[in-house]
């Protein structure tokens, strides 16, 4: 069962890394879906006003946490 855990983390992390880097590089196609969320959160300090910037921020967080997930744990819990 340990081999499954060793392989599972990087495989799961790859989805977050790929999606995050795609959002960082090409945020425009994702912006229309994110616009209602960004508009709803616009009054919160620190939330980007431009939807494209919010998509980039989210992509950066996804990519970074995906890298952390891939690097964390060695199967010995």
N, C-alpha and C. Protein backbone atom coordinates (compact mmCIF):
# COMPACT_ATOMS: atom_id res chain seq x y z
N UNK A 1 0.82 -1.19 0.00
CA UNK A 1 0.00 0.00 0.00
C UNK A 1 0.86 1.26 0.00
N UNK A 2 2.09 1.20 0.49
CA UNK A 2 2.95 2.37 0.56
C UNK A 2 3.29 2.89 -0.83
N UNK A 3 3.42 2.01 -1.82
CA UNK A 3 3.75 2.46 -3.17
C UNK A 3 2.62 3.31 -3.74
N UNK A 4 1.39 2.99 -3.37
CA UNK A 4 0.25 3.79 -3.83
C UNK A 4 0.33 5.20 -3.27
N UNK A 5 0.65 5.32 -1.99
CA UNK A 5 0.76 6.65 -1.37
C UNK A 5 1.94 7.43 -1.94
N UNK A 6 3.03 6.76 -2.22
CA UNK A 6 4.19 7.43 -2.79
C UNK A 6 3.86 8.00 -4.17
N UNK A 7 3.10 7.26 -4.95
CA UNK A 7 2.73 7.71 -6.29
C UNK A 7 1.55 8.68 -6.29
N UNK A 8 0.64 8.53 -5.33
CA UNK A 8 -0.60 9.30 -5.34
C UNK A 8 -0.37 10.80 -5.13
N UNK A 9 0.49 11.15 -4.19
CA UNK A 9 0.70 12.58 -3.92
C UNK A 9 1.20 13.35 -5.13
N UNK A 10 2.25 12.91 -5.79
CA UNK A 10 2.71 13.66 -6.98
C UNK A 10 1.68 13.65 -8.11
N UNK A 11 0.94 12.57 -8.26
CA UNK A 11 -0.06 12.54 -9.31
C UNK A 11 -1.20 13.51 -9.03
N UNK A 12 -1.66 13.57 -7.79
CA UNK A 12 -2.68 14.53 -7.42
C UNK A 12 -2.15 15.95 -7.53
N UNK A 13 -0.93 16.15 -7.08
CA UNK A 13 -0.31 17.48 -7.12
C UNK A 13 -0.16 17.98 -8.55
N UNK A 14 0.06 17.08 -9.49
CA UNK A 14 0.27 17.50 -10.88
C UNK A 14 -0.95 18.22 -11.44
N UNK A 15 -2.15 17.85 -11.00
CA UNK A 15 -3.35 18.56 -11.46
C UNK A 15 -3.34 20.01 -11.01
N UNK A 16 -2.94 20.24 -9.75
CA UNK A 16 -2.91 21.60 -9.22
C UNK A 16 -1.79 22.42 -9.85
N UNK A 17 -0.65 21.78 -10.08
CA UNK A 17 0.47 22.48 -10.70
C UNK A 17 0.13 22.87 -12.14
N UNK A 18 -0.42 21.94 -12.89
CA UNK A 18 -0.76 22.21 -14.29
C UNK A 18 -1.87 23.26 -14.39
N UNK A 19 -2.91 23.12 -13.59
CA UNK A 19 -4.00 24.09 -13.63
C UNK A 19 -3.56 25.46 -13.17
N UNK A 20 -2.74 25.50 -12.14
CA UNK A 20 -2.25 26.78 -11.63
C UNK A 20 -1.35 27.50 -12.60
N UNK A 21 -0.43 26.77 -13.21
CA UNK A 21 0.46 27.42 -14.17
C UNK A 21 -0.30 27.87 -15.42
N UNK A 22 -1.31 27.13 -15.81
CA UNK A 22 -2.14 27.54 -16.94
C UNK A 22 -2.89 28.84 -16.61
N UNK A 23 -3.42 28.94 -15.39
CA UNK A 23 -4.11 30.17 -14.97
C UNK A 23 -3.15 31.35 -14.89
N UNK A 24 -1.93 31.10 -14.49
CA UNK A 24 -0.93 32.17 -14.45
C UNK A 24 -0.57 32.67 -15.85
N UNK A 25 -0.45 31.75 -16.77
CA UNK A 25 -0.01 32.11 -18.12
C UNK A 25 -1.15 32.63 -18.99
N UNK A 26 -2.35 32.04 -18.83
CA UNK A 26 -3.48 32.42 -19.67
C UNK A 26 -4.74 32.60 -18.82
N UNK A 27 -4.86 33.72 -18.10
CA UNK A 27 -6.00 33.90 -17.21
C UNK A 27 -7.29 34.31 -17.92
N UNK A 28 -7.21 34.88 -19.12
CA UNK A 28 -8.38 35.43 -19.79
C UNK A 28 -9.51 34.40 -20.02
N UNK A 29 -9.22 33.17 -20.45
CA UNK A 29 -10.32 32.23 -20.65
C UNK A 29 -11.05 31.85 -19.34
N UNK A 30 -10.38 31.97 -18.22
CA UNK A 30 -10.98 31.60 -16.93
C UNK A 30 -11.70 32.77 -16.27
N UNK A 31 -11.42 33.98 -16.71
CA UNK A 31 -11.97 35.18 -16.07
C UNK A 31 -13.50 35.25 -16.07
N UNK A 32 -14.20 34.91 -17.15
CA UNK A 32 -15.66 35.01 -17.10
C UNK A 32 -16.30 34.13 -16.01
N UNK A 33 -15.77 32.96 -15.78
CA UNK A 33 -16.31 32.08 -14.74
C UNK A 33 -16.00 32.61 -13.35
N UNK A 34 -14.89 33.31 -13.20
CA UNK A 34 -14.47 33.82 -11.90
C UNK A 34 -15.08 35.18 -11.57
N UNK A 35 -15.62 35.87 -12.56
CA UNK A 35 -16.10 37.23 -12.34
C UNK A 35 -17.17 37.35 -11.26
N UNK A 36 -18.18 36.47 -11.19
CA UNK A 36 -19.17 36.61 -10.11
C UNK A 36 -18.56 36.47 -8.71
N UNK A 37 -17.57 35.61 -8.58
CA UNK A 37 -16.92 35.41 -7.28
C UNK A 37 -16.09 36.63 -6.92
N UNK A 38 -15.35 37.16 -7.87
CA UNK A 38 -14.52 38.33 -7.62
C UNK A 38 -15.40 39.53 -7.28
N UNK A 39 -16.51 39.69 -7.98
CA UNK A 39 -17.44 40.79 -7.69
C UNK A 39 -18.01 40.67 -6.28
N UNK A 40 -18.33 39.45 -5.86
CA UNK A 40 -18.89 39.23 -4.52
C UNK A 40 -17.87 39.51 -3.43
N UNK A 41 -16.59 39.31 -3.72
CA UNK A 41 -15.54 39.50 -2.72
C UNK A 41 -14.82 40.84 -2.85
N UNK A 42 -15.31 41.72 -3.70
CA UNK A 42 -14.60 42.96 -4.02
C UNK A 42 -14.41 43.87 -2.82
N UNK A 43 -15.28 43.79 -1.81
CA UNK A 43 -15.17 44.68 -0.65
C UNK A 43 -14.15 44.22 0.38
N UNK A 44 -13.63 43.02 0.22
CA UNK A 44 -12.66 42.49 1.18
C UNK A 44 -11.27 43.04 0.84
N UNK A 45 -10.59 43.61 1.83
CA UNK A 45 -9.24 44.13 1.56
C UNK A 45 -8.29 43.03 1.10
N UNK A 46 -7.49 43.34 0.10
CA UNK A 46 -6.52 42.38 -0.40
C UNK A 46 -6.99 41.57 -1.60
N UNK A 47 -8.30 41.61 -1.87
CA UNK A 47 -8.82 40.89 -3.03
C UNK A 47 -8.63 41.77 -4.26
N UNK A 48 -8.00 41.25 -5.30
CA UNK A 48 -7.78 42.05 -6.50
C UNK A 48 -9.10 42.53 -7.11
N UNK A 49 -9.13 43.75 -7.59
CA UNK A 49 -10.34 44.32 -8.21
C UNK A 49 -10.54 43.77 -9.64
N UNK A 50 -9.44 43.55 -10.33
CA UNK A 50 -9.53 43.02 -11.69
C UNK A 50 -9.63 41.50 -11.64
N UNK A 51 -10.58 40.97 -12.37
CA UNK A 51 -10.82 39.53 -12.38
C UNK A 51 -9.60 38.76 -12.88
N UNK A 52 -8.94 39.28 -13.89
CA UNK A 52 -7.76 38.60 -14.44
C UNK A 52 -6.67 38.47 -13.37
N UNK A 53 -6.49 39.51 -12.57
CA UNK A 53 -5.48 39.43 -11.50
C UNK A 53 -5.89 38.44 -10.42
N UNK A 54 -7.17 38.35 -10.12
CA UNK A 54 -7.64 37.37 -9.14
C UNK A 54 -7.43 35.95 -9.65
N UNK A 55 -7.64 35.74 -10.94
CA UNK A 55 -7.40 34.42 -11.54
C UNK A 55 -5.92 34.08 -11.46
N UNK A 56 -5.06 35.04 -11.73
CA UNK A 56 -3.61 34.81 -11.63
C UNK A 56 -3.20 34.49 -10.20
N UNK A 57 -3.76 35.24 -9.25
CA UNK A 57 -3.46 34.98 -7.84
C UNK A 57 -3.88 33.57 -7.45
N UNK A 58 -5.07 33.19 -7.85
CA UNK A 58 -5.54 31.84 -7.55
C UNK A 58 -4.65 30.78 -8.22
N UNK A 59 -4.23 31.04 -9.44
CA UNK A 59 -3.35 30.11 -10.13
C UNK A 59 -2.01 29.96 -9.44
N UNK A 60 -1.48 31.07 -8.95
CA UNK A 60 -0.22 31.01 -8.21
C UNK A 60 -0.34 30.21 -6.92
N UNK A 61 -1.45 30.40 -6.23
CA UNK A 61 -1.68 29.64 -4.99
C UNK A 61 -1.82 28.16 -5.31
N UNK A 62 -2.56 27.84 -6.37
CA UNK A 62 -2.71 26.42 -6.76
C UNK A 62 -1.37 25.79 -7.12
N UNK A 63 -0.58 26.48 -7.90
CA UNK A 63 0.71 25.92 -8.31
C UNK A 63 1.63 25.74 -7.11
N UNK A 64 1.66 26.72 -6.23
CA UNK A 64 2.54 26.63 -5.05
C UNK A 64 2.10 25.50 -4.12
N UNK A 65 0.82 25.40 -3.87
CA UNK A 65 0.35 24.33 -2.98
C UNK A 65 0.49 22.96 -3.63
N UNK A 66 0.38 22.92 -4.95
CA UNK A 66 0.62 21.66 -5.65
C UNK A 66 2.07 21.21 -5.50
N UNK A 67 2.98 22.16 -5.60
CA UNK A 67 4.40 21.82 -5.39
C UNK A 67 4.65 21.35 -3.95
N UNK A 68 4.01 22.02 -3.00
CA UNK A 68 4.16 21.60 -1.60
C UNK A 68 3.57 20.21 -1.37
N UNK A 69 2.43 19.93 -1.99
CA UNK A 69 1.82 18.61 -1.85
C UNK A 69 2.73 17.53 -2.44
N UNK A 70 3.31 17.82 -3.59
CA UNK A 70 4.20 16.85 -4.24
C UNK A 70 5.44 16.59 -3.40
N UNK A 71 5.92 17.62 -2.74
CA UNK A 71 7.17 17.48 -1.96
C UNK A 71 6.93 16.97 -0.54
N UNK A 72 5.71 17.09 -0.05
CA UNK A 72 5.45 16.72 1.34
C UNK A 72 5.25 15.22 1.49
N UNK A 73 5.53 14.77 2.64
CA UNK A 73 5.28 13.35 2.96
C UNK A 73 6.12 12.41 2.15
N UNK A 74 6.57 11.40 2.81
CA UNK A 74 7.35 10.38 2.13
C UNK A 74 6.71 9.02 2.32
N UNK A 75 5.43 9.01 2.70
CA UNK A 75 4.74 7.76 2.88
C UNK A 75 4.87 7.16 4.27
N UNK A 76 5.61 7.81 5.18
CA UNK A 76 5.79 7.32 6.54
C UNK A 76 4.97 8.17 7.50
N UNK A 77 3.70 7.82 7.67
CA UNK A 77 2.85 8.60 8.55
C UNK A 77 2.52 7.89 9.81
